[in-house]
Protein backbone atom coordinates (compact mmCIF):
# COMPACT_ATOMS: atom_id res chain seq x y z
CA MET A 1 -80.19 -1.65 101.95
CA LYS A 2 -78.00 -4.21 103.70
CA LYS A 3 -76.17 -4.88 100.46
CA TYR A 4 -75.58 -1.16 100.00
CA LEU A 5 -74.27 -0.85 103.55
CA PHE A 6 -71.91 -3.82 103.00
CA TYR A 7 -70.42 -2.20 99.88
CA LEU A 8 -70.00 1.10 101.72
CA LEU A 9 -68.12 -0.53 104.59
CA ALA A 10 -65.92 -2.48 102.18
CA PHE A 11 -65.12 0.73 100.30
CA VAL A 12 -64.12 2.54 103.56
CA PHE A 13 -61.95 -0.40 104.60
CA VAL A 14 -60.07 -0.58 101.29
CA VAL A 15 -59.63 3.14 100.83
CA PHE A 16 -58.90 4.29 104.39
CA ILE A 17 -58.14 1.46 106.82
CA LEU A 18 -55.96 -0.87 104.73
CA PRO A 19 -53.31 1.82 103.82
CA ILE A 20 -52.91 2.68 107.49
CA ILE A 21 -52.30 -0.97 108.45
CA CYS A 22 -49.75 -1.42 105.66
CA THR A 23 -47.91 1.75 106.49
CA THR A 24 -47.68 0.82 110.19
CA SER A 25 -46.38 -2.63 109.31
CA LEU A 26 -43.69 -1.25 106.98
CA GLU A 27 -42.54 1.30 109.54
CA GLY A 28 -42.18 -1.47 112.10
CA LYS A 29 -39.93 -3.45 109.73
CA GLU A 30 -37.75 -0.37 109.04
CA ILE A 31 -37.08 0.16 112.76
CA VAL A 32 -36.12 -3.50 113.18
CA ALA A 33 -33.85 -3.38 110.14
CA ASN A 34 -32.07 -0.31 111.50
CA ALA A 35 -31.81 -1.62 115.09
CA PRO A 36 -28.04 -2.40 114.94
CA ASN A 37 -27.28 1.09 113.66
CA SER A 38 -29.56 2.55 116.28
CA THR A 39 -27.65 0.64 118.95
CA ASN A 40 -24.35 2.00 117.64
CA MET A 41 -25.72 5.48 117.65
CA GLU A 42 -26.85 5.05 121.24
CA SER A 43 -23.38 3.73 122.15
CA ASP A 44 -21.70 6.72 120.50
CA THR A 45 -24.09 9.01 122.29
CA ASP A 46 -23.28 7.34 125.62
CA GLN A 47 -19.54 7.73 124.93
CA THR A 48 -20.00 11.41 124.09
CA GLU A 49 -22.08 11.87 127.21
CA ASN A 50 -19.41 10.11 129.32
CA ASN A 51 -16.68 12.32 127.89
CA GLY A 52 -18.86 15.32 128.50
CA GLU A 53 -19.38 14.22 132.10
CA GLN A 54 -15.61 13.85 132.59
CA ILE A 55 -14.99 17.33 131.21
CA GLN A 56 -17.81 18.72 133.29
CA ASN A 57 -16.50 17.00 136.44
CA PHE A 58 -13.00 18.28 135.74
CA ASP A 59 -14.27 21.82 135.18
CA GLU A 60 -16.35 21.64 138.34
CA ASN A 61 -13.37 20.41 140.38
CA TYR A 62 -11.16 23.09 138.89
CA LEU A 63 -13.68 25.86 139.54
CA LYS A 64 -14.12 24.57 143.07
CA TYR A 65 -10.55 25.57 143.88
CA GLN A 66 -10.55 29.13 142.60
CA THR A 67 -10.55 30.14 146.25
CA ILE A 68 -7.81 28.46 148.28
CA ARG A 69 -7.98 27.79 151.99
CA LEU A 70 -4.39 28.27 153.11
CA LEU A 71 -3.16 26.94 156.45
CA HIS A 72 -0.52 29.15 158.08
CA THR A 73 1.48 26.53 159.93
CA LYS A 74 3.05 28.92 162.45
CA THR A 75 -0.25 30.28 163.73
CA GLY A 76 -2.72 27.55 162.76
CA GLU A 77 -4.86 30.19 161.05
CA ILE A 78 -6.70 29.33 157.84
CA GLU A 79 -6.91 32.15 155.31
CA GLU A 80 -9.08 32.14 152.19
CA LEU A 81 -7.42 33.64 149.13
CA PRO A 82 -8.33 33.83 145.42
CA MET A 83 -6.17 31.35 143.52
CA ASP A 84 -3.98 33.88 141.69
CA GLU A 85 -3.53 36.04 144.77
CA TYR A 86 -2.38 32.94 146.63
CA LEU A 87 0.04 32.17 143.78
CA TYR A 88 1.66 35.60 144.03
CA GLY A 89 2.91 34.51 147.45
CA VAL A 90 3.92 31.04 146.25
CA VAL A 91 5.98 32.23 143.27
CA ALA A 92 7.54 34.98 145.39
CA ALA A 93 8.57 32.39 147.99
CA GLU A 94 9.64 29.61 145.63
CA MET A 95 11.53 31.34 142.79
CA PRO A 96 13.85 34.37 142.70
CA ALA A 97 12.21 37.39 141.06
CA SER A 98 15.42 37.88 139.09
CA TYR A 99 14.67 34.79 137.01
CA ASP A 100 13.46 35.13 133.43
CA VAL A 101 9.74 35.86 132.98
CA GLU A 102 9.20 32.59 131.08
CA ALA A 103 10.63 30.64 134.03
CA LEU A 104 8.37 32.59 136.40
CA LYS A 105 5.35 31.84 134.20
CA ALA A 106 6.28 28.15 134.20
CA GLN A 107 6.57 28.28 138.00
CA ALA A 108 3.13 29.90 138.26
CA ILE A 109 1.51 27.14 136.17
CA VAL A 110 3.38 24.41 138.02
CA ALA A 111 2.37 25.87 141.40
CA ARG A 112 -1.27 26.26 140.31
CA THR A 113 -1.35 22.65 139.12
CA TYR A 114 0.33 21.36 142.26
CA THR A 115 -2.16 23.28 144.41
CA ILE A 116 -5.20 21.85 142.63
CA TYR A 117 -3.78 18.32 142.67
CA GLN A 118 -3.09 18.52 146.40
CA ALA A 119 -6.50 19.98 147.13
CA MET A 120 -8.22 17.24 145.11
CA HIS A 121 -6.17 14.30 146.40
CA SER A 122 -5.25 15.26 149.97
CA ILE A 123 -8.70 15.82 151.42
CA GLY A 124 -8.47 15.86 155.19
CA LYS A 125 -4.69 16.24 155.28
CA HIS A 126 -5.07 19.72 156.73
CA GLU A 127 -8.63 19.35 158.03
CA ASN A 128 -10.42 22.49 156.79
CA ALA A 129 -7.55 23.75 154.60
CA ASP A 130 -6.63 22.85 151.02
CA ILE A 131 -2.89 23.35 151.42
CA CYS A 132 -0.32 24.73 153.88
CA ASP A 133 2.56 27.22 153.62
CA ASP A 134 5.30 24.80 154.72
CA TYR A 135 7.54 23.90 151.79
CA GLY A 136 8.53 20.68 153.52
CA CYS A 137 4.91 19.55 153.48
CA CYS A 138 3.25 21.33 150.55
CA GLN A 139 4.81 24.43 148.97
CA ALA A 140 6.16 27.68 150.34
CA TRP A 141 4.12 30.87 150.57
CA ILE A 142 5.06 34.36 151.75
CA SER A 143 3.01 37.51 152.20
CA LYS A 144 3.73 40.64 150.20
CA GLU A 145 4.83 42.46 153.38
CA GLU A 146 7.27 39.72 154.38
CA ARG A 147 8.68 39.50 150.87
CA PHE A 148 9.19 43.25 150.65
CA ALA A 149 11.08 43.19 153.94
CA SER A 150 13.66 40.82 152.48
CA TRP A 151 14.09 42.60 149.12
CA ASN A 152 16.10 45.67 148.32
CA PRO A 153 13.60 48.55 148.83
CA SER A 154 14.51 50.08 145.47
CA GLU A 155 13.65 46.80 143.67
CA ALA A 156 10.75 45.48 145.77
CA GLU A 157 7.83 47.03 143.90
CA ALA A 158 9.21 46.09 140.48
CA ASN A 159 9.95 42.53 141.66
CA TRP A 160 6.45 42.07 143.01
CA GLN A 161 4.83 43.48 139.89
CA LYS A 162 6.94 41.16 137.72
CA ILE A 163 5.64 38.17 139.66
CA VAL A 164 2.03 39.42 139.56
CA ASP A 165 2.26 39.93 135.80
CA CYS A 166 3.63 36.41 135.26
CA VAL A 167 0.91 34.80 137.38
CA ASN A 168 -1.83 36.86 135.71
CA ALA A 169 -0.49 36.02 132.25
CA THR A 170 -1.10 32.34 132.99
CA THR A 171 -4.44 32.63 134.79
CA GLY A 172 -6.44 29.41 134.55
CA LYS A 173 -3.63 27.39 132.95
CA ILE A 174 -2.75 24.02 134.48
CA ILE A 175 -0.75 20.95 133.42
CA THR A 176 -2.69 17.78 132.63
CA TYR A 177 -1.93 14.18 131.77
CA ASN A 178 -4.80 12.18 130.25
CA GLY A 179 -7.07 15.09 131.05
CA GLU A 180 -6.29 15.21 134.79
CA PRO A 181 -4.12 17.67 136.77
CA ILE A 182 -0.65 16.24 137.43
CA ASN A 183 1.22 16.01 140.70
CA ALA A 184 3.57 18.80 139.61
CA PHE A 185 6.65 18.34 141.77
CA PHE A 186 9.49 20.83 141.38
CA HIS A 187 12.85 21.49 143.00
CA SER A 188 15.72 23.96 143.03
CA ASN A 189 18.52 22.38 140.94
CA SER A 190 18.72 18.94 139.33
CA GLY A 191 22.48 18.94 138.87
CA GLY A 192 21.94 18.52 135.14
CA ILE A 193 19.54 15.57 135.19
CA THR A 194 16.22 15.06 136.97
CA GLU A 195 15.10 11.92 138.80
CA THR A 196 12.12 9.62 138.23
CA SER A 197 9.48 9.58 140.94
CA LEU A 198 9.89 5.81 141.32
CA ASN A 199 13.46 6.18 142.59
CA ILE A 200 12.54 8.78 145.19
CA TRP A 201 9.21 7.60 146.57
CA GLY A 202 9.48 3.89 145.75
CA GLY A 203 6.37 2.41 144.22
CA ILE A 204 4.96 5.68 142.90
CA ASP A 205 5.78 5.73 139.20
CA TYR A 206 4.08 8.76 137.68
CA PRO A 207 4.32 8.43 133.87
CA TYR A 208 4.99 12.16 133.46
CA LEU A 209 7.82 12.33 136.03
CA LYS A 210 10.69 10.81 134.09
CA SER A 211 14.41 11.59 134.13
CA VAL A 212 15.46 14.34 131.67
CA GLU A 213 18.71 16.22 131.11
CA THR A 214 19.06 19.99 131.28
CA SER A 215 22.13 22.05 130.44
CA GLY A 216 23.26 25.26 132.12
CA GLU A 217 22.47 24.36 135.72
CA ASN A 218 26.13 24.34 136.77
CA GLY A 219 26.15 28.13 136.48
CA TYR A 220 23.95 28.53 139.58
CA THR A 221 25.03 28.60 143.23
CA GLN A 222 22.52 25.81 143.96
CA TYR A 223 24.45 23.42 141.73
CA SER A 224 27.02 22.21 144.27
CA SER A 225 27.56 22.17 148.02
CA GLU A 226 29.71 20.48 150.61
CA VAL A 227 29.03 19.12 154.08
CA ILE A 228 31.90 18.37 156.45
CA MET A 229 31.34 16.50 159.69
CA SER A 230 33.48 14.74 162.25
CA LYS A 231 33.22 11.05 163.02
CA GLU A 232 31.42 11.91 166.23
CA GLU A 233 28.93 14.15 164.44
CA LEU A 234 28.13 11.47 161.91
CA GLU A 235 27.71 8.86 164.63
CA ASN A 236 25.42 11.13 166.67
CA LYS A 237 23.24 11.96 163.64
CA MET A 238 22.76 8.26 162.91
CA LYS A 239 22.03 7.44 166.56
CA GLU A 240 19.32 10.11 166.66
CA LYS A 241 17.46 7.94 164.14
CA TYR A 242 18.74 4.50 165.11
CA SER A 243 19.52 3.91 168.77
CA ASP A 244 21.26 0.60 167.95
CA PHE A 245 23.57 2.18 165.38
CA LYS A 246 27.21 1.03 165.44
CA ILE A 247 30.17 1.88 163.23
CA ASP A 248 33.82 0.87 163.17
CA PHE A 249 35.73 3.82 161.72
CA SER A 250 38.88 1.69 161.43
CA ASP A 251 37.10 -0.30 158.73
CA SER A 252 37.73 1.32 155.33
CA ASN A 253 34.31 0.10 154.21
CA CYS A 254 32.41 1.51 157.18
CA ILE A 255 30.51 3.65 154.67
CA GLN A 256 29.67 2.18 151.27
CA ILE A 257 27.41 3.34 148.45
CA LEU A 258 25.73 0.12 147.36
CA GLU A 259 23.51 1.26 144.51
CA TYR A 260 22.93 4.28 142.27
CA THR A 261 19.83 5.33 140.36
CA SER A 262 19.89 5.85 136.60
CA SER A 263 20.50 9.57 137.19
CA ASN A 264 23.60 8.85 139.32
CA ARG A 265 21.93 9.57 142.65
CA VAL A 266 22.55 7.36 145.67
CA LYS A 267 19.79 4.78 145.89
CA THR A 268 21.16 2.63 148.73
CA ILE A 269 24.02 3.25 151.16
CA LYS A 270 25.48 1.31 154.07
CA ILE A 271 26.61 3.35 157.05
CA GLY A 272 28.01 1.23 159.84
CA ASN A 273 25.51 -1.52 160.60
CA LYS A 274 22.64 0.22 158.79
CA GLU A 275 21.68 -0.15 155.13
CA ILE A 276 19.38 2.75 154.23
CA ALA A 277 17.95 4.55 151.21
CA GLY A 278 19.83 7.49 149.76
CA THR A 279 16.82 9.70 150.47
CA GLU A 280 16.99 8.80 154.16
CA ALA A 281 20.75 9.37 154.27
CA ARG A 282 20.20 12.80 152.75
CA THR A 283 17.74 13.69 155.52
CA ILE A 284 19.82 12.29 158.38
CA LEU A 285 23.09 13.87 157.24
CA GLY A 286 21.58 17.19 156.14
CA LEU A 287 22.61 16.95 152.47
CA LYS A 288 20.96 19.03 149.74
CA SER A 289 20.40 16.10 147.39
CA THR A 290 21.02 12.38 146.99
CA ASN A 291 23.58 13.03 144.26
CA PHE A 292 26.65 12.91 146.49
CA LYS A 293 30.06 11.38 146.98
CA PHE A 294 32.10 11.23 150.16
CA SER A 295 35.70 11.08 151.27
CA PHE A 296 37.45 10.72 154.62
CA ASP A 297 40.14 13.17 155.64
CA GLY A 298 41.73 12.37 158.97
CA ASN A 299 39.01 12.87 161.56
CA GLN A 300 36.23 14.09 159.30
CA PHE A 301 34.01 13.06 156.43
CA ILE A 302 33.52 15.32 153.42
CA PHE A 303 30.28 14.96 151.44
CA SER A 304 30.40 16.59 148.01
CA VAL A 305 26.86 17.19 146.75
CA ILE A 306 25.53 18.01 143.28
CA GLY A 307 22.10 19.62 142.88
CA ASN A 308 19.56 20.87 145.39
CA GLY A 309 16.28 19.13 146.21
CA HIS A 310 14.68 15.76 145.49
CA GLY A 311 15.32 16.15 141.77
CA VAL A 312 11.82 15.20 140.59
CA GLY A 313 9.84 17.32 138.12
CA MET A 314 10.79 20.84 137.10
CA SER A 315 14.19 22.17 138.07
CA GLN A 316 13.86 25.88 138.80
CA THR A 317 17.39 26.74 137.76
CA GLY A 318 16.93 24.49 134.73
CA ALA A 319 13.77 26.41 133.85
CA ASP A 320 15.63 29.72 134.12
CA SER A 321 18.52 28.39 132.05
CA MET A 322 16.11 27.25 129.33
CA ALA A 323 14.26 30.58 129.40
CA LYS A 324 17.50 32.50 129.04
CA SER A 325 18.27 30.32 126.01
CA GLY A 326 14.97 31.29 124.37
CA SER A 327 12.47 28.65 125.55
CA ASN A 328 8.95 29.78 126.50
CA TYR A 329 7.00 28.50 129.49
CA GLU A 330 5.22 25.79 127.48
CA GLU A 331 8.50 24.39 126.15
CA ILE A 332 9.96 24.46 129.66
CA ILE A 333 7.02 22.61 131.17
CA LYS A 334 6.85 19.98 128.43
CA HIS A 335 10.59 19.38 128.81
CA PHE A 336 10.35 18.53 132.49
CA TYR A 337 6.98 16.74 132.45
CA THR A 338 6.69 13.95 129.89
CA GLY A 339 3.60 13.68 127.67
CA VAL A 340 1.61 16.47 129.29
CA GLU A 341 -0.70 19.17 127.97
CA ILE A 342 -1.34 22.68 129.22
CA LYS A 343 -5.02 23.63 129.48
């Protein structure tokens, strides 16, 4: 009986237990052998997940700003507006409605991008608001009623509808560099060549804000201007900023341009006993750009200025000139902003 039981147990072990042990052992070796590949697969999965998280975070940030909290600087009131409705007022305030529709579309995308960038990177700048309506601080904005009041009544409705159509045609589109919204600066007229951000705001070298040439801008009224001031006026303007300012007008070198940027704008200028940046001279003297020359005629200085604005990013007259020559909004944007994509 015991012998019979021994044979029965041996038979069960050989037939049923031993195959299970062998199979388990072989499976263990296969997992070890494939461990490096498994690690690579996990690494690829992590990378995919990271990219997915970046896209998700970007989408979440973008969606977060589909309602804009606009600060009205004159009243201190904060108004909440849907993004595109807000942009109607921005485009109406920033670009003439007479400009080509492709230029207006480019302006809408630029303004939308600028808005989102400011809202994402300037948290707390305006306390509970995302952006303000002061063009000197953020970008201009005007209500439909105010805009209509300044337009010819026979053209007002058509002008507004043209702007609305251009904004709506670009709904959701923004400009990105390496997957992130850009700081989409723009200005009125570059004088034929834009400026790099580094030369205007020293130390901030955005890779997408490089100097580019644009033809056709000399056909716009914003292309050139002139400022004439007496010696006394110039001296008073400088003393408003610098109480210790002194100047000897009998010295032929009392005003000297010391350095130009690569786009021929004034980088550094000496006025009397002060050596200042061209950007500061522009502000103090009330010039429309830093692309200027000067001459002295008897008792007064004449500043001859080319362009209008800081010169960085998209030139609005340049955009219109390109549109009138057949460029679409994407070509316009990619001309003024280097290496960008439109999403």
